[in-house]
């Protein structure tokens, strides 16, 4: 595995950290996903245990993320 390092100013870093926190992922995974890479938080679905009390909330979050992703992709496609 290799590491890629880049420099951002403190304002940019704070913005990235805030966005990652809103998405409830760590900063590394947030950046990886934004770059179109797979997050590394969990290697397989079998690694994830979902508390049945939170199943509905998780499904809502996934649906929300899908809508956001589609909106971003549509916006990116229209800007090209």
Protein backbone atom coordinates (compact mmCIF):
# COMPACT_ATOMS: atom_id res chain seq x y z
CA UNK A 1 0.00 0.00 0.00
CA UNK A 2 1.23 3.50 -0.82
CA UNK A 3 0.51 6.85 0.76
CA UNK A 4 -0.34 10.06 -1.07
CA UNK A 5 0.26 13.28 0.81
CA UNK A 6 -1.05 16.69 -0.14
CA UNK A 7 -1.05 20.07 1.54
CA UNK A 8 -4.10 22.18 2.34
CA UNK A 9 -4.41 25.37 4.34
CA UNK A 10 -6.11 25.30 7.74
CA UNK A 11 -9.44 26.60 6.35
CA UNK A 12 -9.54 23.84 3.71
CA UNK A 13 -8.64 21.20 6.30
CA UNK A 14 -11.37 22.42 8.65
CA UNK A 15 -13.87 22.28 5.78
CA UNK A 16 -12.86 18.70 4.89
CA UNK A 17 -13.01 17.60 8.52
CA UNK A 18 -16.47 19.15 8.88
CA UNK A 19 -17.76 17.45 5.75
CA UNK A 20 -16.38 14.09 6.87
CA UNK A 21 -18.02 14.52 10.28
CA UNK A 22 -21.39 15.34 8.67
CA UNK A 23 -21.09 12.17 6.57
CA UNK A 24 -20.06 10.23 9.70
CA UNK A 25 -16.86 8.87 8.15
CA UNK A 26 -13.22 9.42 8.95
CA UNK A 27 -11.32 12.06 6.99
CA UNK A 28 -9.26 9.53 5.05
CA UNK A 29 -12.31 7.63 3.82
CA UNK A 30 -14.10 10.90 2.97
CA UNK A 31 -11.20 12.00 0.77
CA UNK A 32 -10.85 8.55 -0.82
CA UNK A 33 -14.55 8.46 -1.75
CA UNK A 34 -14.43 12.02 -3.11
CA UNK A 35 -11.52 10.93 -5.33
CA UNK A 36 -13.60 8.03 -6.61
CA UNK A 37 -11.72 5.39 -4.61
CA UNK A 38 -13.12 2.81 -2.21
CA UNK A 39 -13.19 3.70 1.46
CA UNK A 40 -11.02 1.50 3.65
CA UNK A 41 -13.15 1.55 6.80
CA UNK A 42 -14.31 -2.04 6.34
CA UNK A 43 -12.93 -4.61 3.94
CA UNK A 44 -16.16 -6.57 3.45
CA UNK A 45 -19.81 -6.32 4.34
CA UNK A 46 -19.26 -9.23 6.73
CA UNK A 47 -17.03 -6.93 8.82
CA UNK A 48 -19.99 -4.66 9.54
CA UNK A 49 -22.43 -5.51 12.31
CA UNK A 50 -25.60 -3.42 12.26
CA UNK A 51 -27.60 -3.01 15.42
CA UNK A 52 -31.20 -3.85 14.47
CA UNK A 53 -32.38 -0.74 16.33
CA UNK A 54 -30.46 1.40 13.80
CA UNK A 55 -31.30 -0.50 10.62
CA UNK A 56 -33.97 2.00 9.49
CA UNK A 57 -31.70 5.00 10.20
CA UNK A 58 -28.87 3.40 8.23
CA UNK A 59 -31.15 2.75 5.26
CA UNK A 60 -32.26 6.40 5.35
CA UNK A 61 -28.63 7.56 5.42
CA UNK A 62 -27.72 5.33 2.49
CA UNK A 63 -30.69 6.64 0.49
CA UNK A 64 -29.66 10.22 1.31
CA UNK A 65 -26.08 9.54 0.25
CA UNK A 66 -27.31 8.04 -3.03
CA UNK A 67 -29.38 11.16 -3.74
CA UNK A 68 -26.43 13.42 -2.96
CA UNK A 69 -24.10 11.37 -5.13
CA UNK A 70 -26.52 11.45 -8.07
CA UNK A 71 -26.93 15.22 -7.68
CA UNK A 72 -23.15 15.69 -7.61
CA UNK A 73 -22.69 13.47 -10.66
CA UNK A 74 -25.46 15.30 -12.54
CA UNK A 75 -23.92 18.66 -11.63
CA UNK A 76 -20.48 17.45 -12.68
CA UNK A 77 -21.85 16.13 -15.97
CA UNK A 78 -23.61 19.38 -16.82
CA UNK A 79 -20.49 21.41 -16.06
CA UNK A 80 -18.38 19.38 -18.48
